[in-house]
Every structure is written in C-alpha cells, then in structure tokens.
C-alpha cells in the first residue's frame, strides 16, 4: 500500500472513531445533566456518519473492524487527554501500541499469504 493510500485509510479510520466517540459522548452529557436533550440530534447524526464511514472501506469487513478497533483505542486515549482532561498513563500507551501492532498484523498479514 502506498503512502497516500495508507494516509487516506488512517484518516478514514480516525474520522470514523471521532464520529463514534462523539455519538456516545453527547448522550452521556445529556444523561448526566451536563447538556440539553437537543444533544441527541447531533448524536444521531454522528452515529449515522459512523456507520456510513465504516461502509467506505473496500477490505473484508472483519479485517476492517479489527483494524478499526485499534485505531479507535488510540483515538479514545487522545479523547481521554484532550476532552476529558485526564493524562494517559504508560499503561494506556502500551495498550494502544499493542493494539496497533496487532491491527498492523491483521491488516497487512493477509497480503503475504
């Protein structure tokens, strides 16, 4: 896979993760009394975008979802820091690194078989 295709794929996974995180975070704000019920409208749109973004990947769905899971983990740790204001620990970084290594094995390993 060339660099441009890899960058596009990673960007698509990242956008998908943001859509999912936002779609789960907004109702949490409403349910905890930190936001208006109107947050359910952008929440719904975000989850629709999440599902649509998953359909844009040309690879087999199982590989897409497995790889996406690792990108989601990495994005969620970024969310932890930038949105929740919690500094990630070395355990967080180690877990993300292991997940990304596993995703790389899944995503790229089928090409050598």
PDB file of N, CA and C in Angstrom:
ATOM      1  N   UNK A   1       0.863  -1.181   0.000  1.00  0.00           N
ATOM      2  CA  UNK A   1       0.000   0.000   0.000  1.00  0.00           C
ATOM      3  C   UNK A   1       0.898   1.229   0.000  1.00  0.00           C
ATOM      4  N   UNK A   2       0.639   2.163  -0.886  1.00  0.00           N
ATOM      5  CA  UNK A   2       1.476   3.357  -0.944  1.00  0.00           C
ATOM      6  C   UNK A   2       1.137   4.326   0.189  1.00  0.00           C
ATOM      7  N   UNK A   3       1.984   5.312   0.379  1.00  0.00           N
ATOM      8  CA  UNK A   3       1.851   6.248   1.493  1.00  0.00           C
ATOM      9  C   UNK A   3       0.545   7.030   1.446  1.00  0.00           C
ATOM     10  N   UNK A   4       0.133   7.446   0.261  1.00  0.00           N
ATOM     11  CA  UNK A   4      -1.109   8.227   0.144  1.00  0.00           C
ATOM     12  C   UNK A   4      -2.310   7.362   0.516  1.00  0.00           C
ATOM     13  N   UNK A   5      -2.346   6.136   0.029  1.00  0.00           N
ATOM     14  CA  UNK A   5      -3.457   5.235   0.349  1.00  0.00           C
ATOM     15  C   UNK A   5      -3.481   4.928   1.848  1.00  0.00           C
ATOM     16  N   UNK A   6      -2.311   4.724   2.433  1.00  0.00           N
ATOM     17  CA  UNK A   6      -2.229   4.448   3.865  1.00  0.00           C
ATOM     18  C   UNK A   6      -2.711   5.648   4.669  1.00  0.00           C
ATOM     19  N   UNK A   7      -2.326   6.845   4.256  1.00  0.00           N
ATOM     20  CA  UNK A   7      -2.761   8.067   4.934  1.00  0.00           C
ATOM     21  C   UNK A   7      -4.268   8.243   4.825  1.00  0.00           C
ATOM     22  N   UNK A   8      -4.821   7.992   3.650  1.00  0.00           N
ATOM     23  CA  UNK A   8      -6.278   8.082   3.473  1.00  0.00           C
ATOM     24  C   UNK A   8      -7.000   7.074   4.344  1.00  0.00           C
ATOM     25  N   UNK A   9      -6.504   5.848   4.371  1.00  0.00           N
ATOM     26  CA  UNK A   9      -7.134   4.803   5.178  1.00  0.00           C
ATOM     27  C   UNK A   9      -7.090   5.165   6.650  1.00  0.00           C
ATOM     28  N   UNK A  10      -5.914   5.610   7.123  1.00  0.00           N
ATOM     29  CA  UNK A  10      -5.804   6.010   8.524  1.00  0.00           C
ATOM     30  C   UNK A  10      -6.743   7.177   8.821  1.00  0.00           C
ATOM     31  N   UNK A  11      -6.802   8.150   7.927  1.00  0.00           N
ATOM     32  CA  UNK A  11      -7.705   9.291   8.114  1.00  0.00           C
ATOM     33  C   UNK A  11      -9.156   8.870   8.181  1.00  0.00           C
ATOM     34  N   UNK A  12      -9.526   7.901   7.344  1.00  0.00           N
ATOM     35  CA  UNK A  12     -10.895   7.392   7.359  1.00  0.00           C
ATOM     36  C   UNK A  12     -11.198   6.690   8.673  1.00  0.00           C
ATOM     37  N   UNK A  13     -10.258   5.878   9.160  1.00  0.00           N
ATOM     38  CA  UNK A  13     -10.436   5.228  10.461  1.00  0.00           C
ATOM     39  C   UNK A  13     -10.543   6.268  11.578  1.00  0.00           C
ATOM     40  N   UNK A  14      -9.695   7.293  11.526  1.00  0.00           N
ATOM     41  CA  UNK A  14      -9.708   8.332  12.555  1.00  0.00           C
ATOM     42  C   UNK A  14     -11.046   9.079  12.550  1.00  0.00           C
ATOM     43  N   UNK A  15     -11.532   9.451  11.375  1.00  0.00           N
ATOM     44  CA  UNK A  15     -12.827  10.143  11.269  1.00  0.00           C
ATOM     45  C   UNK A  15     -13.946   9.249  11.791  1.00  0.00           C
ATOM     46  N   UNK A  16     -13.865   7.958  11.494  1.00  0.00           N
ATOM     47  CA  UNK A  16     -14.868   7.003  11.977  1.00  0.00           C
ATOM     48  C   UNK A  16     -14.853   6.944  13.501  1.00  0.00           C
ATOM     49  N   UNK A  17     -13.661   6.907  14.082  1.00  0.00           N
ATOM     50  CA  UNK A  17     -13.543   6.852  15.546  1.00  0.00           C
ATOM     51  C   UNK A  17     -14.092   8.117  16.199  1.00  0.00           C
ATOM     52  N   UNK A  18     -13.797   9.281  15.620  1.00  0.00           N
ATOM     53  CA  UNK A  18     -14.320  10.537  16.173  1.00  0.00           C
ATOM     54  C   UNK A  18     -15.843  10.540  16.109  1.00  0.00           C
ATOM     55  N   UNK A  19     -16.407  10.072  14.995  1.00  0.00           N
ATOM     56  CA  UNK A  19     -17.867  10.029  14.863  1.00  0.00           C
ATOM     57  C   UNK A  19     -18.479   9.115  15.923  1.00  0.00           C
ATOM     58  N   UNK A  20     -17.850   7.974  16.170  1.00  0.00           N
ATOM     59  CA  UNK A  20     -18.380   7.055  17.182  1.00  0.00           C
ATOM     60  C   UNK A  20     -18.237   7.636  18.589  1.00  0.00           C
ATOM     61  N   UNK A  21     -17.065   8.176  18.897  1.00  0.00           N
ATOM     62  CA  UNK A  21     -16.856   8.764  20.221  1.00  0.00           C
ATOM     63  C   UNK A  21     -17.839   9.906  20.488  1.00  0.00           C
ATOM     64  N   UNK A  22     -18.010  10.778  19.513  1.00  0.00           N
ATOM     65  CA  UNK A  22     -18.938  11.893  19.662  1.00  0.00           C
ATOM     66  C   UNK A  22     -20.369  11.390  19.824  1.00  0.00           C
ATOM     67  N   UNK A  23     -20.724  10.371  19.044  1.00  0.00           N
ATOM     68  CA  UNK A  23     -22.063   9.799  19.123  1.00  0.00           C
ATOM     69  C   UNK A  23     -22.368   9.146  20.454  1.00  0.00           C
ATOM     70  N   UNK A  24     -21.347   8.725  21.174  1.00  0.00           N
ATOM     71  CA  UNK A  24     -21.536   8.143  22.506  1.00  0.00           C
ATOM     72  C   UNK A  24     -21.385   9.182  23.610  1.00  0.00           C
ATOM     73  N   UNK A  25     -20.572  10.194  23.369  1.00  0.00           N
ATOM     74  CA  UNK A  25     -20.294  11.216  24.385  1.00  0.00           C
ATOM     75  C   UNK A  25     -21.468  12.179  24.573  1.00  0.00           C
ATOM     76  N   UNK A  26     -22.094  12.582  23.496  1.00  0.00           N
ATOM     77  CA  UNK A  26     -23.188  13.555  23.596  1.00  0.00           C
ATOM     78  C   UNK A  26     -24.370  13.051  24.433  1.00  0.00           C
ATOM     79  N   UNK A  27     -24.832  11.807  24.258  1.00  0.00           N
ATOM     80  CA  UNK A  27     -25.905  11.358  25.142  1.00  0.00           C
ATOM     81  C   UNK A  27     -25.455  11.227  26.599  1.00  0.00           C
ATOM     82  N   UNK A  28     -24.167  10.929  26.791  1.00  0.00           N
ATOM     83  CA  UNK A  28     -23.643  10.872  28.154  1.00  0.00           C
ATOM     84  C   UNK A  28     -23.770  12.239  28.826  1.00  0.00           C
ATOM     85  N   UNK A  29     -23.451  13.295  28.081  1.00  0.00           N
ATOM     86  CA  UNK A  29     -23.606  14.641  28.637  1.00  0.00           C
ATOM     87  C   UNK A  29     -25.052  14.905  29.025  1.00  0.00           C
ATOM     88  N   UNK A  30     -25.974  14.517  28.166  1.00  0.00           N
ATOM     89  CA  UNK A  30     -27.396  14.732  28.453  1.00  0.00           C
ATOM     90  C   UNK A  30     -27.844  13.896  29.653  1.00  0.00           C
ATOM     91  N   UNK A  31     -27.459  12.615  29.681  1.00  0.00           N
ATOM     92  CA  UNK A  31     -27.897  11.716  30.755  1.00  0.00           C
ATOM     93  C   UNK A  31     -27.328  12.099  32.118  1.00  0.00           C
ATOM     94  N   UNK A  32     -26.160  12.736  32.130  1.00  0.00           N
ATOM     95  CA  UNK A  32     -25.563  13.153  33.397  1.00  0.00           C
ATOM     96  C   UNK A  32     -25.952  14.579  33.784  1.00  0.00           C
ATOM     97  N   UNK A  33     -26.854  15.181  33.019  1.00  0.00           N
ATOM     98  CA  UNK A  33     -27.327  16.525  33.337  1.00  0.00           C
ATOM     99  C   UNK A  33     -26.377  17.637  32.948  1.00  0.00           C
ATOM    100  N   UNK A  34     -25.395  17.329  32.122  1.00  0.00           N
ATOM    101  CA  UNK A  34     -24.416  18.329  31.702  1.00  0.00           C
ATOM    102  C   UNK A  34     -24.728  18.912  30.331  1.00  0.00           C
ATOM    103  N   UNK A  35     -25.860  18.517  29.772  1.00  0.00           N
ATOM    104  CA  UNK A  35     -26.224  19.018  28.456  1.00  0.00           C
ATOM    105  C   UNK A  35     -27.711  18.880  28.202  1.00  0.00           C
ATOM    106  N   UNK A  36     -28.147  19.514  27.165  1.00  0.00           N
ATOM    107  CA  UNK A  36     -29.548  19.563  26.770  1.00  0.00           C
ATOM    108  C   UNK A  36     -29.957  18.294  26.014  1.00  0.00           C
ATOM    109  N   UNK A  37     -31.250  17.972  26.042  1.00  0.00           N
ATOM    110  CA  UNK A  37     -31.733  16.868  25.209  1.00  0.00           C
ATOM    111  C   UNK A  37     -31.504  17.125  23.711  1.00  0.00           C
ATOM    112  N   UNK A  38     -31.286  18.380  23.345  1.00  0.00           N
ATOM    113  CA  UNK A  38     -31.001  18.711  21.950  1.00  0.00           C
ATOM    114  C   UNK A  38     -29.697  18.080  21.467  1.00  0.00           C
ATOM    115  N   UNK A  39     -28.856  17.649  22.404  1.00  0.00           N
ATOM    116  CA  UNK A  39     -27.617  16.961  22.019  1.00  0.00           C
ATOM    117  C   UNK A  39     -27.898  15.634  21.314  1.00  0.00           C
ATOM    118  N   UNK A  40     -29.120  15.130  21.471  1.00  0.00           N
ATOM    119  CA  UNK A  40     -29.454  13.866  20.827  1.00  0.00           C
ATOM    120  C   UNK A  40     -29.549  13.998  19.312  1.00  0.00           C
ATOM    121  N   UNK A  41     -29.783  15.195  18.819  1.00  0.00           N
ATOM    122  CA  UNK A  41     -29.822  15.395  17.368  1.00  0.00           C
ATOM    123  C   UNK A  41     -28.422  15.245  16.749  1.00  0.00           C
ATOM    124  N   UNK A  42     -27.405  15.986  17.211  1.00  0.00           N
ATOM    125  CA  UNK A  42     -26.075  15.760  16.643  1.00  0.00           C
ATOM    126  C   UNK A  42     -25.528  14.366  16.977  1.00  0.00           C
ATOM    127  N   UNK A  43     -25.961  13.811  18.095  1.00  0.00           N
ATOM    128  CA  UNK A  43     -25.553  12.446  18.448  1.00  0.00           C
ATOM    129  C   UNK A  43     -26.041  11.465  17.390  1.00  0.00           C
ATOM    130  N   UNK A  44     -27.294  11.598  16.994  1.00  0.00           N
ATOM    131  CA  UNK A  44     -27.853  10.718  15.973  1.00  0.00           C
ATOM    132  C   UNK A  44     -27.122  10.886  14.646  1.00  0.00           C
ATOM    133  N   UNK A  45     -26.877  12.129  14.260  1.00  0.00           N
ATOM    134  CA  UNK A  45     -26.149  12.388  13.014  1.00  0.00           C
ATOM    135  C   UNK A  45     -24.733  11.819  13.058  1.00  0.00           C
ATOM    136  N   UNK A  46     -24.107  11.917  14.220  1.00  0.00           N
ATOM    137  CA  UNK A  46     -22.753  11.403  14.383  1.00  0.00           C
ATOM    138  C   UNK A  46     -22.723   9.881  14.234  1.00  0.00           C
ATOM    139  N   UNK A  47     -23.695   9.198  14.816  1.00  0.00           N
ATOM    140  CA  UNK A  47     -23.724   7.741  14.705  1.00  0.00           C
ATOM    141  C   UNK A  47     -24.097   7.291  13.291  1.00  0.00           C
ATOM    142  N   UNK A  48     -24.927   8.065  12.600  1.00  0.00           N
ATOM    143  CA  UNK A  48     -25.206   7.766  11.191  1.00  0.00           C
ATOM    144  C   UNK A  48     -23.926   7.922  10.378  1.00  0.00           C
ATOM    145  N   UNK A  49     -23.174   8.977  10.649  1.00  0.00           N
ATOM    146  CA  UNK A  49     -21.891   9.181   9.953  1.00  0.00           C
ATOM    147  C   UNK A  49     -20.933   8.040  10.260  1.00  0.00           C
ATOM    148  N   UNK A  50     -20.900   7.591  11.493  1.00  0.00           N
ATOM    149  CA  UNK A  50     -20.045   6.480  11.904  1.00  0.00           C
ATOM    150  C   UNK A  50     -20.335   5.231  11.069  1.00  0.00           C
ATOM    151  N   UNK A  51     -21.591   4.868  10.967  1.00  0.00           N
ATOM    152  CA  UNK A  51     -21.964   3.675  10.202  1.00  0.00           C
ATOM    153  C   UNK A  51     -21.631   3.866   8.721  1.00  0.00           C
ATOM    154  N   UNK A  52     -21.923   5.026   8.185  1.00  0.00           N
ATOM    155  CA  UNK A  52     -21.631   5.295   6.778  1.00  0.00           C
ATOM    156  C   UNK A  52     -20.130   5.225   6.508  1.00  0.00           C
ATOM    157  N   UNK A  53     -19.323   5.804   7.392  1.00  0.00           N
ATOM    158  CA  UNK A  53     -17.873   5.785   7.208  1.00  0.00           C
ATOM    159  C   UNK A  53     -17.329   4.356   7.190  1.00  0.00           C
ATOM    160  N   UNK A  54     -17.904   3.476   8.011  1.00  0.00           N
ATOM    161  CA  UNK A  54     -17.454   2.084   8.009  1.00  0.00           C
ATOM    162  C   UNK A  54     -17.701   1.407   6.659  1.00  0.00           C
ATOM    163  N   UNK A  55     -18.700   1.870   5.926  1.00  0.00           N
ATOM    164  CA  UNK A  55     -19.007   1.247   4.633  1.00  0.00           C
ATOM    165  C   UNK A  55     -18.049   1.670   3.531  1.00  0.00           C
ATOM    166  N   UNK A  56     -17.224   2.667   3.778  1.00  0.00           N
ATOM    167  CA  UNK A  56     -16.328   3.189   2.737  1.00  0.00           C
ATOM    168  C   UNK A  56     -15.051   2.380   2.568  1.00  0.00           C
ATOM    169  N   UNK A  57     -14.819   1.428   3.440  1.00  0.00           N
ATOM    170  CA  UNK A  57     -13.605   0.619   3.362  1.00  0.00           C
ATOM    171  C   UNK A  57     -13.816  -0.541   2.404  1.00  0.00           C
ATOM    172  N   UNK A  58     -12.885  -0.718   1.462  1.00  0.00           N
ATOM    173  CA  UNK A  58     -13.062  -1.768   0.459  1.00  0.00           C
ATOM    174  C   UNK A  58     -12.660  -3.171   0.924  1.00  0.00           C
ATOM    175  N   UNK A  59     -11.962  -3.285   2.037  1.00  0.00           N
ATOM    176  CA  UNK A  59     -11.469  -4.585   2.502  1.00  0.00           C
ATOM    177  C   UNK A  59     -12.602  -5.390   3.150  1.00  0.00           C
ATOM    178  N   UNK A  60     -12.312  -6.662   3.418  1.00  0.00           N
ATOM    179  CA  UNK A  60     -13.277  -7.528   4.093  1.00  0.00           C
ATOM    180  C   UNK A  60     -13.668  -6.926   5.438  1.00  0.00           C
ATOM    181  N   UNK A  61     -14.944  -6.966   5.755  1.00  0.00           N
ATOM    182  CA  UNK A  61     -15.446  -6.267   6.942  1.00  0.00           C
ATOM    183  C   UNK A  61     -14.770  -6.713   8.240  1.00  0.00           C
ATOM    184  N   UNK A  62     -14.479  -7.987   8.378  1.00  0.00           N
ATOM    185  CA  UNK A  62     -13.831  -8.456   9.607  1.00  0.00           C
ATOM    186  C   UNK A  62     -12.479  -7.811   9.829  1.00  0.00           C
ATOM    187  N   UNK A  63     -11.682  -7.698   8.776  1.00  0.00           N
ATOM    188  CA  UNK A  63     -10.377  -7.028   8.886  1.00  0.00           C
ATOM    189  C   UNK A  63     -10.550  -5.539   9.153  1.00  0.00           C
ATOM    190  N   UNK A  64     -11.524  -4.946   8.485  1.00  0.00           N
ATOM    191  CA  UNK A  64     -11.786  -3.516   8.703  1.00  0.00           C
ATOM    192  C   UNK A  64     -12.131  -3.273  10.159  1.00  0.00           C
ATOM    193  N   UNK A  65     -13.039  -4.054  10.716  1.00  0.00           N
ATOM    194  CA  UNK A  65     -13.477  -3.832  12.097  1.00  0.00           C
ATOM    195  C   UNK A  65     -12.354  -4.114  13.090  1.00  0.00           C
ATOM    196  N   UNK A  66     -11.554  -5.135  12.820  1.00  0.00           N
ATOM    197  CA  UNK A  66     -10.433  -5.440  13.717  1.00  0.00           C
ATOM    198  C   UNK A  66      -9.401  -4.320  13.704  1.00  0.00           C
ATOM    199  N   UNK A  67      -9.088  -3.830  12.526  1.00  0.00           N
ATOM    200  CA  UNK A  67      -8.127  -2.733  12.417  1.00  0.00           C
ATOM    201  C   UNK A  67      -8.708  -1.458  13.008  1.00  0.00           C
ATOM    202  N   UNK A  68      -9.965  -1.201  12.709  1.00  0.00           N
ATOM    203  CA  UNK A  68     -10.635  -0.017  13.253  1.00  0.00           C
ATOM    204  C   UNK A  68     -10.593  -0.016  14.776  1.00  0.00           C
ATOM    205  N   UNK A  69     -10.753  -1.180  15.384  1.00  0.00           N
ATOM    206  CA  UNK A  69     -10.744  -1.262  16.850  1.00  0.00           C
ATOM    207  C   UNK A  69      -9.467  -0.688  17.452  1.00  0.00           C
ATOM    208  N   UNK A  70      -8.347  -0.965  16.830  1.00  0.00           N
ATOM    209  CA  UNK A  70      -7.074  -0.438  17.339  1.00  0.00           C
ATOM    210  C   UNK A  70      -6.984   1.070  17.144  1.00  0.00           C
ATOM    211  N   UNK A  71      -7.423   1.552  15.984  1.00  0.00           N
ATOM    212  CA  UNK A  71      -7.412   2.997  15.740  1.00  0.00           C
ATOM    213  C   UNK A  71      -8.380   3.676  16.708  1.00  0.00           C
ATOM    214  N   UNK A  72      -9.511   3.035  16.973  1.00  0.00           N
ATOM    215  CA  UNK A  72     -10.467   3.572  17.949  1.00  0.00           C
ATOM    216  C   UNK A  72      -9.805   3.674  19.324  1.00  0.00           C
ATOM    217  N   UNK A  73      -9.082   2.632  19.740  1.00  0.00           N
ATOM    218  CA  UNK A  73      -8.397   2.662  21.042  1.00  0.00           C
ATOM    219  C   UNK A  73      -7.441   3.844  21.125  1.00  0.00           C
ATOM    220  N   UNK A  74      -6.656   4.042  20.082  1.00  0.00           N
ATOM    221  CA  UNK A  74      -5.703   5.150  20.071  1.00  0.00           C
ATOM    222  C   UNK A  74      -6.422   6.493  20.123  1.00  0.00           C
ATOM    223  N   UNK A  75      -7.489   6.613  19.358  1.00  0.00           N
ATOM    224  CA  UNK A  75      -8.256   7.862  19.342  1.00  0.00           C
ATOM    225  C   UNK A  75      -8.926   8.103  20.695  1.00  0.00           C
ATOM    226  N   UNK A  76      -9.415   7.039  21.316  1.00  0.00           N
ATOM    227  CA  UNK A  76     -10.061   7.172  22.619  1.00  0.00           C
ATOM    228  C   UNK A  76      -9.077   7.643  23.692  1.00  0.00           C
ATOM    229  N   UNK A  77      -7.830   7.213  23.603  1.00  0.00           N
ATOM    230  CA  UNK A  77      -6.821   7.689  24.564  1.00  0.00           C
ATOM    231  C   UNK A  77      -6.537   9.168  24.308  1.00  0.00           C
ATOM    232  N   UNK A  78      -6.525   9.577  23.047  1.00  0.00           N
ATOM    233  CA  UNK A  78      -6.416  11.006  22.742  1.00  0.00           C
ATOM    234  C   UNK A  78      -7.611  11.779  23.285  1.00  0.00           C
ATOM    235  N   UNK A  79      -8.793  11.213  23.145  1.00  0.00           N
ATOM    236  CA  UNK A  79     -10.026  11.815  23.682  1.00  0.00           C
ATOM    237  C   UNK A  79      -9.915  11.955  25.199  1.00  0.00           C
ATOM    238  N   UNK A  80      -9.400  10.919  25.854  1.00  0.00           N
ATOM    239  CA  UNK A  80      -9.201  10.940  27.299  1.00  0.00           C
ATOM    240  C   UNK A  80      -8.391  12.163  27.705  1.00  0.00           C
ATOM    241  N   UNK A  81      -7.353  12.442  26.949  1.00  0.00           N
ATOM    242  CA  UNK A  81      -6.480  13.563  27.268  1.00  0.00           C
ATOM    243  C   UNK A  81      -7.100  14.912  26.902  1.00  0.00           C
ATOM    244  N   UNK A  82      -7.556  15.045  25.648  1.00  0.00           N
ATOM    245  CA  UNK A  82      -7.990  16.355  25.149  1.00  0.00           C
ATOM    246  C   UNK A  82      -9.414  16.742  25.539  1.00  0.00           C
ATOM    247  N   UNK A  83     -10.303  15.779  25.702  1.00  0.00           N
ATOM    248  CA  UNK A  83     -11.694  16.092  26.044  1.00  0.00           C
ATOM    249  C   UNK A  83     -11.948  15.914  27.545  1.00  0.00           C
ATOM    250  N   UNK A  84     -11.508  14.770  28.073  1.00  0.00           N
ATOM    251  CA  UNK A  84     -11.744  14.502  29.493  1.00  0.00           C
ATOM    252  C   UNK A  84     -10.722  15.173  30.403  1.00  0.00           C
ATOM    253  N   UNK A  85      -9.596  15.607  29.847  1.00  0.00           N
ATOM    254  CA  UNK A  85      -8.583  16.287  30.649  1.00  0.00           C
ATOM    255  C   UNK A  85      -7.803  15.361  31.567  1.00  0.00           C
ATOM    256  N   UNK A  86      -7.743  14.078  31.221  1.00  0.00           N
ATOM    257  CA  UNK A  86      -7.017  13.094  32.024  1.00  0.00           C
ATOM    258  C   UNK A  86      -5.732  12.718  31.274  1.00  0.00           C
ATOM    259  N   UNK A  87      -4.612  12.799  31.960  1.00  0.00           N
ATOM    260  CA  UNK A  87      -3.340  12.451  31.338  1.00  0.00           C
ATOM    261  C   UNK A  87      -3.220  10.931  31.240  1.00  0.00           C
ATOM    262  N   UNK A  88      -3.022  10.403  30.033  1.00  0.00           N
ATOM    263  CA  UNK A  88      -2.863   8.956  29.879  1.00  0.00           C
ATOM    264  C   UNK A  88      -1.615   8.463  30.605  1.00  0.00           C
ATOM    265  N   UNK A  89      -1.662   7.221  31.052  1.00  0.00           N
ATOM    266  CA  UNK A  89      -0.524   6.600  31.739  1.00  0.00           C
ATOM    267  C   UNK A  89       0.284   5.773  30.744  1.00  0.00           C
ATOM    268  N   UNK A  90       1.420   5.293  31.181  1.00  0.00           N
ATOM    269  CA  UNK A  90       2.238   4.446  30.317  1.00  0.00           C
ATOM    270  C   UNK A  90       1.480   3.182  29.948  1.00  0.00           C
ATOM    271  N   UNK A  91       0.598   2.705  30.858  1.00  0.00           N
ATOM    272  CA  UNK A  91      -0.218   1.524  30.552  1.00  0.00           C
ATOM    273  C   UNK A  91      -1.155   1.797  29.380  1.00  0.00           C
ATOM    274  N   UNK A  92      -1.702   3.014  29.334  1.00  0.00           N
ATOM    275  CA  UNK A  92      -2.565   3.395  28.215  1.00  0.00           C
ATOM    276  C   UNK A  92      -1.787   3.346  26.904  1.00  0.00           C
ATOM    277  N   UNK A  93      -0.608   3.940  26.916  1.00  0.00           N
ATOM    278  CA  UNK A  93       0.218   3.963  25.711  1.00  0.00           C
ATOM    279  C   UNK A  93       0.664   2.557  25.303  1.00  0.00           C
ATOM    280  N   UNK A  94       1.015   1.737  26.281  1.00  0.00           N
ATOM    281  CA  UNK A  94       1.413   0.364  25.990  1.00  0.00           C
ATOM    282  C   UNK A  94       0.248  -0.396  25.357  1.00  0.00           C
ATOM    283  N   UNK A  95      -0.930  -0.259  25.924  1.00  0.00           N
ATOM    284  CA  UNK A  95      -2.106  -0.936  25.375  1.00  0.00           C
ATOM    285  C   UNK A  95      -2.407  -0.511  23.953  1.00  0.00           C
ATOM    286  N   UNK A  96      -2.300   0.788  23.691  1.00  0.00           N
ATOM    287  CA  UNK A  96      -2.527   1.287  22.333  1.00  0.00           C
ATOM    288  C   UNK A  96      -1.461   0.739  21.389  1.00  0.00           C
ATOM    289  N   UNK A  97      -0.213   0.729  21.839  1.00  0.00           N
ATOM    290  CA  UNK A  97       0.858   0.191  20.995  1.00  0.00           C
ATOM    291  C   UNK A  97       0.641  -1.274  20.652  1.00  0.00           C
ATOM    292  N   UNK A  98       0.233  -2.059  21.632  1.00  0.00           N
ATOM    293  CA  UNK A  98      -0.040  -3.477  21.379  1.00  0.00           C
ATOM    294  C   UNK A  98      -1.224  -3.651  20.430  1.00  0.00           C
ATOM    295  N   UNK A  99      -2.258  -2.846  20.637  1.00  0.00           N
ATOM    296  CA  UNK A  99      -3.433  -2.921  19.752  1.00  0.00           C
ATOM    297  C   UNK A  99      -3.065  -2.552  18.325  1.00  0.00           C
ATOM    298  N   UNK A 100      -2.265  -1.497  18.163  1.00  0.00           N
ATOM    299  CA  UNK A 100      -1.857  -1.076  16.818  1.00  0.00           C
ATOM    300  C   UNK A 100      -0.951  -2.120  16.157  1.00  0.00           C
ATOM    301  N   UNK A 101      -0.088  -2.738  16.944  1.00  0.00           N
ATOM    302  CA  UNK A 101       0.765  -3.796  16.391  1.00  0.00           C
ATOM    303  C   UNK A 101      -0.101  -4.969  15.926  1.00  0.00           C
ATOM    304  N   UNK A 102      -1.085  -5.336  16.724  1.00  0.00           N
ATOM    305  CA  UNK A 102      -1.996  -6.409  16.327  1.00  0.00           C
ATOM    306  C   UNK A 102      -2.788  -6.049  15.088  1.00  0.00           C
ATOM    307  N   UNK A 103      -3.256  -4.809  15.016  1.00  0.00           N
ATOM    308  CA  UNK A 103      -4.007  -4.354  13.849  1.00  0.00           C
ATOM    309  C   UNK A 103      -3.139  -4.373  12.601  1.00  0.00           C
ATOM    310  N   UNK A 104      -1.880  -3.965  12.759  1.00  0.00           N
ATOM    311  CA  UNK A 104      -0.961  -3.999  11.629  1.00  0.00           C
ATOM    312  C   UNK A 104      -0.756  -5.420  11.122  1.00  0.00           C
ATOM    313  N   UNK A 105      -0.651  -6.352  12.050  1.00  0.00           N
ATOM    314  CA  UNK A 105      -0.505  -7.749  11.679  1.00  0.00           C
ATOM    315  C   UNK A 105      -1.735  -8.252  10.930  1.00  0.00           C
ATOM    316  N   UNK A 106      -2.914  -7.878  11.396  1.00  0.00           N
ATOM    317  CA  UNK A 106      -4.164  -8.289  10.744  1.00  0.00           C
ATOM    318  C   UNK A 106      -4.301  -7.630   9.380  1.00  0.00           C
ATOM    319  N   UNK A 107      -4.075  -6.327   9.338  1.00  0.00           N
ATOM    320  CA  UNK A 107      -4.301  -5.562   8.098  1.00  0.00           C
ATOM    321  C   UNK A 107      -3.294  -5.905   7.014  1.00  0.00           C
ATOM    322  N   UNK A 108      -2.054  -6.117   7.390  1.00  0.00           N
ATOM    323  CA  UNK A 108      -1.016  -6.340   6.395  1.00  0.00           C
ATOM    324  C   UNK A 108      -0.650  -7.812   6.220  1.00  0.00           C
ATOM    325  N   UNK A 109      -0.936  -8.619   7.218  1.00  0.00           N
ATOM    326  CA  UNK A 109      -0.540 -10.034   7.190  1.00  0.00           C
ATOM    327  C   UNK A 109      -1.195 -10.846   6.105  1.00  0.00           C
ATOM    328  N   UNK A 110      -2.414 -10.521   5.730  1.00  0.00           N
ATOM    329  CA  UNK A 110      -3.120 -11.315   4.719  1.00  0.00           C
ATOM    330  C   UNK A 110      -2.509 -11.147   3.334  1.00  0.00           C
ATOM    331  N   UNK A 111      -1.686 -10.134   3.137  1.00  0.00           N
ATOM    332  CA  UNK A 111      -1.085  -9.887   1.824  1.00  0.00           C
ATOM    333  C   UNK A 111       0.082 -10.823   1.526  1.00  0.00           C
ATOM    334  N   UNK A 112       0.656 -11.411   2.561  1.00  0.00           N
ATOM    335  CA  UNK A 112       1.796 -12.286   2.354  1.00  0.00           C
ATOM    336  C   UNK A 112       1.362 -13.730   2.181  1.00  0.00           C
ATOM    337  N   UNK A 113       0.122 -14.027   2.466  1.00  0.00           N
ATOM    338  CA  UNK A 113      -0.354 -15.416   2.373  1.00  0.00           C
ATOM    339  C   UNK A 113      -0.698 -15.808   0.954  1.00  0.00           C
TER     340      UNK A 113
END
